[in-house]
C-alpha atoms as a PDB file:
ATOM      1  CA  MET A   1      -7.944   5.312  11.594  1.00  0.00           C
ATOM      2  CA  ARG A   2      -8.671   1.631  12.215  1.00  0.00           C
ATOM      3  CA  ASP A   3      -7.317   0.685   8.780  1.00  0.00           C
ATOM      4  CA  ALA A   4      -4.067   2.572   9.481  1.00  0.00           C
ATOM      5  CA  ARG A   5      -3.625   0.788  12.830  1.00  0.00           C
ATOM      6  CA  GLU A   6      -4.512  -2.518  11.226  1.00  0.00           C
ATOM      7  CA  GLU A   7      -1.973  -1.953   8.447  1.00  0.00           C
ATOM      8  CA  THR A   8       0.705  -0.929  10.970  1.00  0.00           C
ATOM      9  CA  SER A   9       0.056  -4.144  12.856  1.00  0.00           C
ATOM     10  CA  LEU A  10       0.220  -6.141   9.625  1.00  0.00           C
ATOM     11  CA  ILE A  11       3.523  -4.495   8.661  1.00  0.00           C
ATOM     12  CA  GLU A  12       5.034  -5.345  12.037  1.00  0.00           C
ATOM     13  CA  GLU A  13       3.833  -8.938  11.700  1.00  0.00           C
ATOM     14  CA  ALA A  14       5.288  -9.150   8.164  1.00  0.00           C
ATOM     15  CA  LYS A  15       8.676  -8.006   9.505  1.00  0.00           C
ATOM     16  CA  ILE A  16       8.763 -11.172  11.614  1.00  0.00           C
ATOM     17  CA  ASN A  17       6.773 -13.489   9.349  1.00  0.00           C
ATOM     18  CA  PRO A  18       7.238 -12.848   5.601  1.00  0.00           C
ATOM     19  CA  GLU A  19       4.078 -14.837   4.833  1.00  0.00           C
ATOM     20  CA  ALA A  20       2.049 -11.983   6.370  1.00  0.00           C
ATOM     21  CA  PHE A  21       3.406  -9.751   3.596  1.00  0.00           C
ATOM     22  CA  GLY A  22       0.880 -11.403   1.267  1.00  0.00           C
ATOM     23  CA  GLU A  23      -1.953  -9.318   2.679  1.00  0.00           C
ATOM     24  CA  LEU A  24       0.003  -6.088   2.157  1.00  0.00           C
ATOM     25  CA  TYR A  25       0.689  -7.254  -1.387  1.00  0.00           C
ATOM     26  CA  ASP A  26      -3.010  -7.937  -1.992  1.00  0.00           C
ATOM     27  CA  ARG A  27      -4.010  -4.529  -0.610  1.00  0.00           C
ATOM     28  CA  HIS A  28      -1.603  -2.497  -2.728  1.00  0.00           C
ATOM     29  CA  TYR A  29      -0.864  -4.542  -5.870  1.00  0.00           C
ATOM     30  CA  ASP A  30      -3.559  -3.073  -8.138  1.00  0.00           C
ATOM     31  CA  THR A  31      -2.700   0.516  -7.197  1.00  0.00           C
ATOM     32  CA  ILE A  32       1.024   0.066  -7.797  1.00  0.00           C
ATOM     33  CA  LEU A  33       0.451  -1.866 -11.038  1.00  0.00           C
ATOM     34  CA  ALA A  34      -1.801   0.904 -12.376  1.00  0.00           C
ATOM     35  CA  TYR A  35       0.784   3.559 -11.417  1.00  0.00           C
ATOM     36  CA  VAL A  36       3.639   1.680 -13.092  1.00  0.00           C
ATOM     37  CA  PHE A  37       1.517   0.993 -16.169  1.00  0.00           C
ATOM     38  CA  ARG A  38       0.578   4.658 -16.545  1.00  0.00           C
ATOM     39  CA  ARG A  39       4.269   5.539 -16.351  1.00  0.00           C
ATOM     40  CA  THR A  40       5.501   2.843 -18.785  1.00  0.00           C
ATOM     41  CA  MET A  41       2.399   2.136 -20.908  1.00  0.00           C
ATOM     42  CA  ASP A  42       3.584  -1.456 -21.305  1.00  0.00           C
ATOM     43  CA  ILE A  43       1.609  -4.029 -19.324  1.00  0.00           C
ATOM     44  CA  SER A  44       4.288  -6.733 -19.321  1.00  0.00           C
ATOM     45  CA  VAL A  45       6.929  -4.232 -18.171  1.00  0.00           C
ATOM     46  CA  ALA A  46       4.481  -2.881 -15.576  1.00  0.00           C
ATOM     47  CA  GLU A  47       3.843  -6.379 -14.232  1.00  0.00           C
ATOM     48  CA  ASP A  48       7.589  -7.078 -14.017  1.00  0.00           C
ATOM     49  CA  LEU A  49       8.376  -3.760 -12.344  1.00  0.00           C
ATOM     50  CA  THR A  50       5.463  -4.179  -9.931  1.00  0.00           C
ATOM     51  CA  SER A  51       6.788  -7.611  -8.970  1.00  0.00           C
ATOM     52  CA  ASN A  52      10.244  -6.082  -8.493  1.00  0.00           C
ATOM     53  CA  THR A  53       8.682  -3.347  -6.353  1.00  0.00           C
ATOM     54  CA  PHE A  54       7.067  -5.822  -3.990  1.00  0.00           C
ATOM     55  CA  PHE A  55      10.147  -8.035  -3.886  1.00  0.00           C
ATOM     56  CA  SER A  56      12.279  -5.000  -2.967  1.00  0.00           C
ATOM     57  CA  ALA A  57       9.699  -3.939  -0.388  1.00  0.00           C
ATOM     58  CA  LEU A  58       9.722  -7.381   1.199  1.00  0.00           C
ATOM     59  CA  LYS A  59      13.538  -7.364   1.395  1.00  0.00           C
ATOM     60  CA  ALA A  60      13.611  -3.832   2.847  1.00  0.00           C
ATOM     61  CA  LEU A  61      10.606  -4.253   5.143  1.00  0.00           C
ATOM     62  CA  PRO A  62      12.688  -4.637   8.327  1.00  0.00           C
ATOM     63  CA  LYS A  63      14.032  -1.111   7.684  1.00  0.00           C
ATOM     64  CA  TYR A  64      10.561   0.432   7.171  1.00  0.00           C
ATOM     65  CA  THR A  65       9.967   2.949   9.993  1.00  0.00           C
ATOM     66  CA  HIS A  66       6.404   4.288   9.501  1.00  0.00           C
ATOM     67  CA  LYS A  67       7.691   7.854   8.910  1.00  0.00           C
ATOM     68  CA  ALA A  68       5.634   7.873   5.717  1.00  0.00           C
ATOM     69  CA  PRO A  69       2.527   5.840   4.904  1.00  0.00           C
ATOM     70  CA  PHE A  70       3.256   2.356   3.589  1.00  0.00           C
ATOM     71  CA  SER A  71       1.646   3.233   0.248  1.00  0.00           C
ATOM     72  CA  ALA A  72       4.002   6.225  -0.121  1.00  0.00           C
ATOM     73  CA  TRP A  73       6.930   3.931   0.555  1.00  0.00           C
ATOM     74  CA  LEU A  74       5.707   1.543  -2.173  1.00  0.00           C
ATOM     75  CA  TYR A  75       5.272   4.430  -4.648  1.00  0.00           C
ATOM     76  CA  ARG A  76       8.865   5.493  -3.913  1.00  0.00           C
ATOM     77  CA  ILE A  77      10.163   1.977  -4.586  1.00  0.00           C
ATOM     78  CA  ALA A  78       8.049   1.722  -7.756  1.00  0.00           C
ATOM     79  CA  SER A  79       9.327   5.112  -8.964  1.00  0.00           C
ATOM     80  CA  ASN A  80      12.884   3.894  -8.479  1.00  0.00           C
ATOM     81  CA  GLU A  81      12.113   0.695 -10.398  1.00  0.00           C
ATOM     82  CA  ILE A  82      10.673   2.768 -13.266  1.00  0.00           C
ATOM     83  CA  ARG A  83      13.723   5.057 -13.280  1.00  0.00           C
ATOM     84  CA  MET A  84      16.094   2.067 -13.407  1.00  0.00           C
ATOM     85  CA  HIS A  85      14.022   0.502 -16.186  1.00  0.00           C
ATOM     86  CA  TRP A  86      14.297   3.618 -18.364  1.00  0.00           C
ATOM     87  CA  ARG A  87      18.035   3.815 -17.724  1.00  0.00           C
ATOM     88  CA  ARG A  88      18.465   0.186 -18.782  1.00  0.00           C
ATOM     89  CA  THR A  89      16.234   0.255 -21.832  1.00  0.00           C
ATOM     90  CA  GLY A  90      16.002   3.847 -23.014  1.00  0.00           C
ATOM     91  CA  ARG A  91      12.829   5.177 -24.617  1.00  0.00           C
ATOM     92  CA  HIS A  92      10.846   3.250 -27.231  1.00  0.00           C
ATOM     93  CA  SER A  93       9.477   4.513 -30.509  1.00  0.00           C
ATOM     94  CA  ARG A  94       6.070   6.154 -30.309  1.00  0.00           C
ATOM     95  CA  ILE A  95       4.516   3.686 -32.773  1.00  0.00           C
ATOM     96  CA  GLU A  96       5.661   0.667 -30.771  1.00  0.00           C
ATOM     97  CA  GLU A  97       4.590   2.387 -27.560  1.00  0.00           C
ATOM     98  CA  ALA A  98       1.106   3.113 -28.922  1.00  0.00           C
ATOM     99  CA  ARG A  99       0.701  -0.500 -30.064  1.00  0.00           C
ATOM    100  CA  ARG A 100       1.659  -1.889 -26.643  1.00  0.00           C
ATOM    101  CA  TRP A 101      -0.560   0.681 -24.956  1.00  0.00           C
ATOM    102  CA  GLN A 102      -3.677  -0.344 -26.915  1.00  0.00           C
ATOM    103  CA  MET A 103      -3.008  -4.056 -26.350  1.00  0.00           C
ATOM    104  CA  ALA A 104      -2.804  -3.525 -22.603  1.00  0.00           C
ATOM    105  CA  PHE A 105      -6.276  -2.070 -22.081  1.00  0.00           C
ATOM    106  CA  GLY A 106      -8.589  -4.398 -20.284  1.00  0.00           C
ATOM    107  CA  ARG A 107      -5.794  -5.555 -17.966  1.00  0.00           C
ATOM    108  CA  VAL A 108      -5.543  -2.256 -16.064  1.00  0.00           C
ATOM    109  CA  GLU A 109      -8.550  -0.260 -14.867  1.00  0.00           C
ATOM    110  CA  PHE A 110      -9.015   3.273 -16.264  1.00  0.00           C
ATOM    111  CA  SER A 111     -11.799   5.806 -16.228  1.00  0.00           C
ATOM    112  CA  THR A 112     -13.383   6.526 -19.595  1.00  0.00           C
ATOM    113  CA  HIS A 113     -14.774   9.883 -18.403  1.00  0.00           C
ATOM    114  CA  GLY A 114     -18.265   9.152 -19.648  1.00  0.00           C
ATOM    115  CA  ALA A 115     -17.373   7.853 -23.113  1.00  0.00           C
ATOM    116  CA  THR A 116     -20.485   6.111 -24.426  1.00  0.00           C
ATOM    117  CA  ASP A 117     -19.194   4.597 -27.660  1.00  0.00           C
ATOM    118  CA  MET A 118     -15.954   3.250 -29.084  1.00  0.00           C
ATOM    119  CA  GLU A 119     -15.169   6.445 -31.012  1.00  0.00           C
ATOM    120  CA  GLU A 120     -15.432   8.604 -27.869  1.00  0.00           C
ATOM    121  CA  PHE A 121     -13.372   6.044 -25.977  1.00  0.00           C
ATOM    122  CA  GLN A 122     -10.661   6.088 -28.684  1.00  0.00           C
ATOM    123  CA  GLU A 123     -10.591   9.903 -28.588  1.00  0.00           C
ATOM    124  CA  HIS A 124     -10.264   9.817 -24.809  1.00  0.00           C
ATOM    125  CA  LEU A 125      -7.396   7.316 -25.096  1.00  0.00           C
ATOM    126  CA  ALA A 126      -5.661   9.452 -27.722  1.00  0.00           C
ATOM    127  CA  ARG A 127      -5.856  12.532 -25.461  1.00  0.00           C
ATOM    128  CA  LEU A 128      -4.631  10.536 -22.475  1.00  0.00           C
ATOM    129  CA  HIS A 129      -1.772   9.143 -24.541  1.00  0.00           C
ATOM    130  CA  ALA A 130      -0.767  12.628 -25.777  1.00  0.00           C
ATOM    131  CA  VAL A 131      -0.764  14.020 -22.239  1.00  0.00           C
ATOM    132  CA  ARG A 132       1.163  11.037 -20.914  1.00  0.00           C
ATOM    133  CA  ARG A 133       3.787  11.380 -23.670  1.00  0.00           C
ATOM    134  CA  ALA A 134       4.153  15.076 -22.851  1.00  0.00           C
ATOM    135  CA  VAL A 135       4.471  14.325 -19.126  1.00  0.00           C
ATOM    136  CA  GLU A 136       7.097  11.654 -19.820  1.00  0.00           C
ATOM    137  CA  SER A 137       9.174  14.135 -21.827  1.00  0.00           C
ATOM    138  CA  LEU A 138       9.446  16.473 -18.819  1.00  0.00           C
ATOM    139  CA  PRO A 139      12.507  16.343 -16.545  1.00  0.00           C
ATOM    140  CA  GLU A 140      12.087  13.784 -13.771  1.00  0.00           C
ATOM    141  CA  ARG A 141      11.803  16.429 -11.030  1.00  0.00           C
ATOM    142  CA  PHE A 142       8.519  17.526 -12.665  1.00  0.00           C
ATOM    143  CA  ARG A 143       7.400  14.244 -14.253  1.00  0.00           C
ATOM    144  CA  VAL A 144       7.133  12.141 -11.087  1.00  0.00           C
ATOM    145  CA  PRO A 145       5.245  14.701  -8.951  1.00  0.00           C
ATOM    146  CA  LEU A 146       2.794  15.366 -11.825  1.00  0.00           C
ATOM    147  CA  ALA A 147       2.182  11.650 -12.360  1.00  0.00           C
ATOM    148  CA  LEU A 148       1.601  11.112  -8.650  1.00  0.00           C
ATOM    149  CA  ARG A 149      -0.645  14.173  -8.348  1.00  0.00           C
ATOM    150  CA  TYR A 150      -2.817  13.845 -11.439  1.00  0.00           C
ATOM    151  CA  PHE A 151      -2.640  10.188 -12.471  1.00  0.00           C
ATOM    152  CA  GLU A 152      -2.583   8.741  -8.955  1.00  0.00           C
ATOM    153  CA  GLY A 153      -4.548  11.463  -7.112  1.00  0.00           C
ATOM    154  CA  LEU A 154      -2.080  11.868  -4.256  1.00  0.00           C
ATOM    155  CA  SER A 155      -2.030  15.055  -2.185  1.00  0.00           C
ATOM    156  CA  HIS A 156       1.030  17.306  -2.032  1.00  0.00           C
ATOM    157  CA  GLU A 157       1.742  15.910   1.428  1.00  0.00           C
ATOM    158  CA  GLU A 158       1.570  12.310   0.189  1.00  0.00           C
ATOM    159  CA  ILE A 159       3.839  13.131  -2.752  1.00  0.00           C
ATOM    160  CA  ALA A 160       6.317  14.746  -0.364  1.00  0.00           C
ATOM    161  CA  ALA A 161       6.346  11.496   1.617  1.00  0.00           C
ATOM    162  CA  VAL A 162       6.854   9.415  -1.545  1.00  0.00           C
ATOM    163  CA  LEU A 163       9.701  11.593  -2.814  1.00  0.00           C
ATOM    164  CA  ASN A 164      11.150  12.395   0.602  1.00  0.00           C
ATOM    165  CA  LYS A 165      10.934  16.120  -0.212  1.00  0.00           C
ATOM    166  CA  ARG A 166       9.410  19.127   1.506  1.00  0.00           C
ATOM    167  CA  VAL A 167       5.779  19.897   0.689  1.00  0.00           C
ATOM    168  CA  GLY A 168       6.772  23.350  -0.606  1.00  0.00           C
ATOM    169  CA  THR A 169       9.274  21.796  -3.022  1.00  0.00           C
ATOM    170  CA  VAL A 170       6.613  19.401  -4.292  1.00  0.00           C
ATOM    171  CA  LYS A 171       4.161  22.282  -4.852  1.00  0.00           C
ATOM    172  CA  VAL A 172       6.788  24.231  -6.807  1.00  0.00           C
ATOM    173  CA  HIS A 173       7.659  21.205  -8.953  1.00  0.00           C
ATOM    174  CA  VAL A 174       3.988  20.482  -9.648  1.00  0.00           C
ATOM    175  CA  HIS A 175       3.339  24.130 -10.568  1.00  0.00           C
ATOM    176  CA  ARG A 176       6.413  24.412 -12.807  1.00  0.00           C
ATOM    177  CA  GLY A 177       5.701  21.037 -14.369  1.00  0.00           C
ATOM    178  CA  LEU A 178       2.120  22.087 -15.158  1.00  0.00           C
ATOM    179  CA  THR A 179       3.368  25.341 -16.665  1.00  0.00           C
ATOM    180  CA  ARG A 180       5.783  23.462 -18.937  1.00  0.00           C
ATOM    181  CA  LEU A 181       3.152  20.848 -19.778  1.00  0.00           C
ATOM    182  CA  ARG A 182       0.573  23.480 -20.761  1.00  0.00           C
ATOM    183  CA  LYS A 183       3.113  25.170 -23.012  1.00  0.00           C
ATOM    184  CA  MET A 184       4.099  21.860 -24.644  1.00  0.00           C
ATOM    185  CA  LEU A 185       0.478  20.871 -25.272  1.00  0.00           C
ATOM    186  CA  ARG A 186      -0.423  24.355 -26.535  1.00  0.00           C
ATOM    187  CA  ASP A 187       2.580  24.341 -28.895  1.00  0.00           C
ATOM    188  CA  ALA A 188       1.629  20.851 -30.125  1.00  0.00           C
ATOM    189  CA  THR A 189      -1.929  21.915 -30.969  1.00  0.00           C
ATOM    190  CA  GLU A 190      -0.809  25.180 -32.604  1.00  0.00           C
ATOM    191  CA  THR A 191       1.847  23.488 -34.771  1.00  0.00           C
ATOM    192  CA  PRO A 192       0.282  22.340 -38.047  1.00  0.00           C
ATOM    193  CA  ALA A 193       0.701  18.643 -38.858  1.00  0.00           C
ATOM    194  CA  GLN A 194       3.305  17.961 -41.521  1.00  0.00           C
END
């Protein structure tokens, strides 16, 4: 509770004095960078979009009303930055994407789920990459809630705040997205390699 009050106070101070925004930036930068990276799998793009997110947040800060947590507001801005990026650039080839993805590790923190050697780690990365590709091929109404729920660990209520949707709508989109994702992954493993 103290952290929430402290952050509210910091936000109000940053509305008057933009230099105070630096602390908000420091508190949330790593989380937003990791989210954007997991959505784009390109560290240089993620860094650019994260910078754009915080620049947009600073410009819009006077309009921030505390209806949703500050972190939810940042996720919403970051999601919009990602959406605009994909509209501008389109999708990249899977080979190029995989190369950028492997180069970026070490700059963004990820769990290895107990991998004890390089081979296990590579297998874990390959599975993560396959799931991420499948998630990214879903329609946006499913893709964003799934990414926020399972890659970022947000609750349905937090996702509703990020997306400015009802909690029930978020639950339906997560459920339907998972159903589609399971089918896609099952079909991919059942289809013999050519």
